[in-house]
Structures are given as structure tokens and as C-alpha cells.
C-alpha atoms as a PDB file:
ATOM      1  CA  MET A   1     -48.464 -65.528 -26.646  1.00  0.00           C
ATOM      2  CA  GLU A   2     -47.540 -64.479 -23.184  1.00  0.00           C
ATOM      3  CA  ALA A   3     -44.216 -65.661 -21.540  1.00  0.00           C
ATOM      4  CA  GLY A   4     -44.612 -68.921 -19.731  1.00  0.00           C
ATOM      5  CA  GLU A   5     -47.641 -69.908 -21.654  1.00  0.00           C
ATOM      6  CA  PRO A   6     -47.332 -73.465 -23.335  1.00  0.00           C
ATOM      7  CA  ALA A   7     -46.934 -73.316 -27.058  1.00  0.00           C
ATOM      8  CA  ALA A   8     -49.928 -74.323 -29.215  1.00  0.00           C
ATOM      9  CA  PRO A   9     -49.593 -77.716 -30.614  1.00  0.00           C
ATOM     10  CA  LEU A  10     -48.138 -78.024 -34.139  1.00  0.00           C
ATOM     11  CA  PHE A  11     -49.800 -80.384 -36.601  1.00  0.00           C
ATOM     12  CA  MET A  12     -47.842 -81.889 -39.410  1.00  0.00           C
ATOM     13  CA  THR A  13     -49.813 -81.759 -42.748  1.00  0.00           C
ATOM     14  CA  HIS A  14     -50.187 -84.789 -44.840  1.00  0.00           C
ATOM     15  CA  TYR A  15     -48.164 -83.159 -47.471  1.00  0.00           C
ATOM     16  CA  GLU A  16     -45.202 -82.614 -45.080  1.00  0.00           C
ATOM     17  CA  ALA A  17     -45.371 -86.216 -43.782  1.00  0.00           C
ATOM     18  CA  THR A  18     -45.515 -87.544 -47.419  1.00  0.00           C
ATOM     19  CA  GLN A  19     -42.533 -85.462 -48.399  1.00  0.00           C
ATOM     20  CA  ILE A  20     -40.468 -86.619 -45.335  1.00  0.00           C
ATOM     21  CA  VAL A  21     -41.428 -90.302 -45.823  1.00  0.00           C
ATOM     22  CA  ALA A  22     -40.611 -90.024 -49.665  1.00  0.00           C
ATOM     23  CA  LEU A  23     -37.263 -88.437 -49.009  1.00  0.00           C
ATOM     24  CA  ARG A  24     -36.338 -91.024 -46.245  1.00  0.00           C
ATOM     25  CA  ALA A  25     -37.475 -93.929 -48.422  1.00  0.00           C
ATOM     26  CA  SER A  26     -35.247 -92.709 -51.259  1.00  0.00           C
ATOM     27  CA  LEU A  27     -32.293 -92.662 -48.821  1.00  0.00           C
ATOM     28  CA  LEU A  28     -33.145 -96.178 -47.642  1.00  0.00           C
ATOM     29  CA  SER A  29     -33.408 -97.273 -51.255  1.00  0.00           C
ATOM     30  CA  ASP A  30     -29.837 -95.870 -51.738  1.00  0.00           C
ATOM     31  CA  GLY A  31     -28.475 -98.088 -48.924  1.00  0.00           C
ATOM     32  CA  ALA A  32     -29.005 -96.069 -45.740  1.00  0.00           C
ATOM     33  CA  LEU A  33     -29.378 -98.118 -42.689  1.00  0.00           C
ATOM     34  CA  ALA A  34     -32.947 -98.508 -41.206  1.00  0.00           C
ATOM     35  CA  LYS A  35     -33.363 -96.962 -37.695  1.00  0.00           C
ATOM     36  CA  VAL A  36     -36.209 -99.315 -36.696  1.00  0.00           C
ATOM     37  CA  ASP A  37     -36.218-103.104 -36.566  1.00  0.00           C
ATOM     38  CA  VAL A  38     -37.571-104.583 -39.807  1.00  0.00           C
ATOM     39  CA  ASP A  39     -38.415-108.154 -40.657  1.00  0.00           C
ATOM     40  CA  ARG A  40     -37.324-109.512 -43.979  1.00  0.00           C
ATOM     41  CA  ALA A  41     -40.551-108.586 -45.816  1.00  0.00           C
ATOM     42  CA  ALA A  42     -40.583-105.058 -44.602  1.00  0.00           C
ATOM     43  CA  ALA A  43     -36.845-104.683 -45.590  1.00  0.00           C
ATOM     44  CA  PHE A  44     -37.901-104.643 -49.213  1.00  0.00           C
ATOM     45  CA  ASP A  45     -40.479-101.876 -48.596  1.00  0.00           C
ATOM     46  CA  PRO A  46     -38.488 -98.653 -47.920  1.00  0.00           C
ATOM     47  CA  VAL A  47     -41.737 -96.521 -47.722  1.00  0.00           C
ATOM     48  CA  LEU A  48     -42.987 -98.728 -44.839  1.00  0.00           C
ATOM     49  CA  VAL A  49     -39.623 -98.489 -43.040  1.00  0.00           C
ATOM     50  CA  ALA A  50     -39.539 -94.629 -43.596  1.00  0.00           C
ATOM     51  CA  ALA A  51     -43.057 -94.213 -42.334  1.00  0.00           C
ATOM     52  CA  SER A  52     -42.371 -96.338 -39.312  1.00  0.00           C
ATOM     53  CA  GLU A  53     -39.252 -94.299 -38.555  1.00  0.00           C
ATOM     54  CA  LEU A  54     -41.344 -91.095 -38.616  1.00  0.00           C
ATOM     55  CA  LEU A  55     -44.019 -92.538 -36.435  1.00  0.00           C
ATOM     56  CA  HIS A  56     -41.470 -93.539 -33.776  1.00  0.00           C
ATOM     57  CA  GLY A  57     -39.783 -90.175 -33.854  1.00  0.00           C
ATOM     58  CA  LEU A  58     -36.583 -91.463 -35.399  1.00  0.00           C
ATOM     59  CA  VAL A  59     -36.360 -89.070 -38.413  1.00  0.00           C
ATOM     60  CA  ASP A  60     -33.948 -86.097 -37.782  1.00  0.00           C
ATOM     61  CA  CYS A  61     -35.149 -83.280 -39.975  1.00  0.00           C
ATOM     62  CA  VAL A  62     -36.768 -79.951 -39.994  1.00  0.00           C
ATOM     63  CA  VAL A  63     -39.879 -78.478 -41.568  1.00  0.00           C
ATOM     64  CA  GLU A  64     -39.957 -74.840 -42.569  1.00  0.00           C
ATOM     65  CA  ARG A  65     -42.966 -73.087 -41.119  1.00  0.00           C
ATOM     66  CA  ASP A  66     -43.604 -69.305 -41.393  1.00  0.00           C
ATOM     67  CA  GLY A  67     -39.971 -68.743 -42.216  1.00  0.00           C
ATOM     68  CA  ARG A  68     -38.429 -70.677 -39.336  1.00  0.00           C
ATOM     69  CA  ASP A  69     -37.178 -74.257 -38.980  1.00  0.00           C
ATOM     70  CA  VAL A  70     -39.174 -76.520 -36.744  1.00  0.00           C
ATOM     71  CA  HIS A  71     -37.854 -79.963 -35.885  1.00  0.00           C
ATOM     72  CA  VAL A  72     -40.134 -82.869 -36.698  1.00  0.00           C
ATOM     73  CA  SER A  73     -40.221 -83.915 -33.075  1.00  0.00           C
ATOM     74  CA  ARG A  74     -42.330 -80.861 -32.181  1.00  0.00           C
ATOM     75  CA  PHE A  75     -45.204 -81.791 -34.473  1.00  0.00           C
ATOM     76  CA  GLU A  76     -48.278 -84.056 -33.882  1.00  0.00           C
ATOM     77  CA  LEU A  77     -48.268 -86.458 -36.910  1.00  0.00           C
ATOM     78  CA  PRO A  78     -51.323 -86.813 -39.215  1.00  0.00           C
ATOM     79  CA  ALA A  79     -53.706 -89.513 -37.758  1.00  0.00           C
ATOM     80  CA  GLY A  80     -53.582 -91.244 -41.144  1.00  0.00           C
ATOM     81  CA  LEU A  81     -49.880 -92.253 -40.634  1.00  0.00           C
ATOM     82  CA  HIS A  82     -50.793 -94.787 -37.934  1.00  0.00           C
ATOM     83  CA  ASN A  83     -53.266 -96.442 -40.198  1.00  0.00           C
ATOM     84  CA  PHE A  84     -50.935 -96.359 -43.144  1.00  0.00           C
ATOM     85  CA  VAL A  85     -48.255 -98.203 -41.330  1.00  0.00           C
ATOM     86  CA  ARG A  86     -50.613-100.729 -39.760  1.00  0.00           C
ATOM     87  CA  VAL A  87     -52.312-101.578 -43.102  1.00  0.00           C
ATOM     88  CA  ARG A  88     -49.060-101.516 -45.125  1.00  0.00           C
ATOM     89  CA  ALA A  89     -47.274-103.798 -42.602  1.00  0.00           C
ATOM     90  CA  GLY A  90     -50.267-106.177 -42.646  1.00  0.00           C
ATOM     91  CA  ALA A  91     -50.094-106.356 -46.387  1.00  0.00           C
ATOM     92  CA  GLN A  92     -46.409-107.463 -46.040  1.00  0.00           C
ATOM     93  CA  LYS A  93     -47.673-110.535 -44.142  1.00  0.00           C
ATOM     94  CA  THR A  94     -50.565-111.461 -46.343  1.00  0.00           C
ATOM     95  CA  PRO A  95     -49.714-114.565 -48.642  1.00  0.00           C
ATOM     96  CA  ALA A  96     -49.908-113.660 -52.333  1.00  0.00           C
ATOM     97  CA  SER A  97     -51.812-116.790 -53.234  1.00  0.00           C
ATOM     98  CA  GLY A  98     -54.681-115.005 -54.796  1.00  0.00           C
ATOM     99  CA  LYS A  99     -57.226-117.359 -53.239  1.00  0.00           C
ATOM    100  CA  SER A 100     -59.914-115.988 -51.022  1.00  0.00           C
ATOM    101  CA  THR A 101     -60.513-117.592 -47.565  1.00  0.00           C
END
């Protein structure tokens, strides 16, 4: 790469995103404070909170790539993460009546 050229975009793998969300969810389960606003239903879902934090760029960690540490803010997140948060958040609001409408 020539000096002054913009760096090629980095794409976070699904595996990396899953590892980060799982680690952060574990911390939240152990009492860490959430960095996003959560409603009462979401407060009981540390995976949803952790994924939302990653999606909003609020997770402060690094990923090792090719022998060097790269901060997560430099990555483009997997497209599926947006859908995961949207669907999981929607599931939190669905009544558990078991009746079809």
C-alpha cells in the first residue's frame, strides 16, 4: 500500500462478532453496567444488550489480525448483526400467550 492511500476496509467475521458478544454478555451477567439504554425486558437478555453495544460502537476491545491488535471500531460489522438485534429485540416485546393472531 502506498503512503497516503486509504486503508482497505476491515470486515469483522461472524466468529469474531460472536466471541465479542459472548464475552460482553458474560460480563453483563456478572453485573457490569450496560452502555446502552435498555428497557426492562431487554435488561434480562445480556446477549441482546451486548450485541446492541457492539452495533453502536460502545465495546472497547481489540481483535488480533495477522499478529497485530486492531480496535473493533476499525471494522465493518457483519450484516447479520443488525438483523439479529432487530429480531431479538422484537422477540422481547412479543407476548408469550401462545395464541396465534
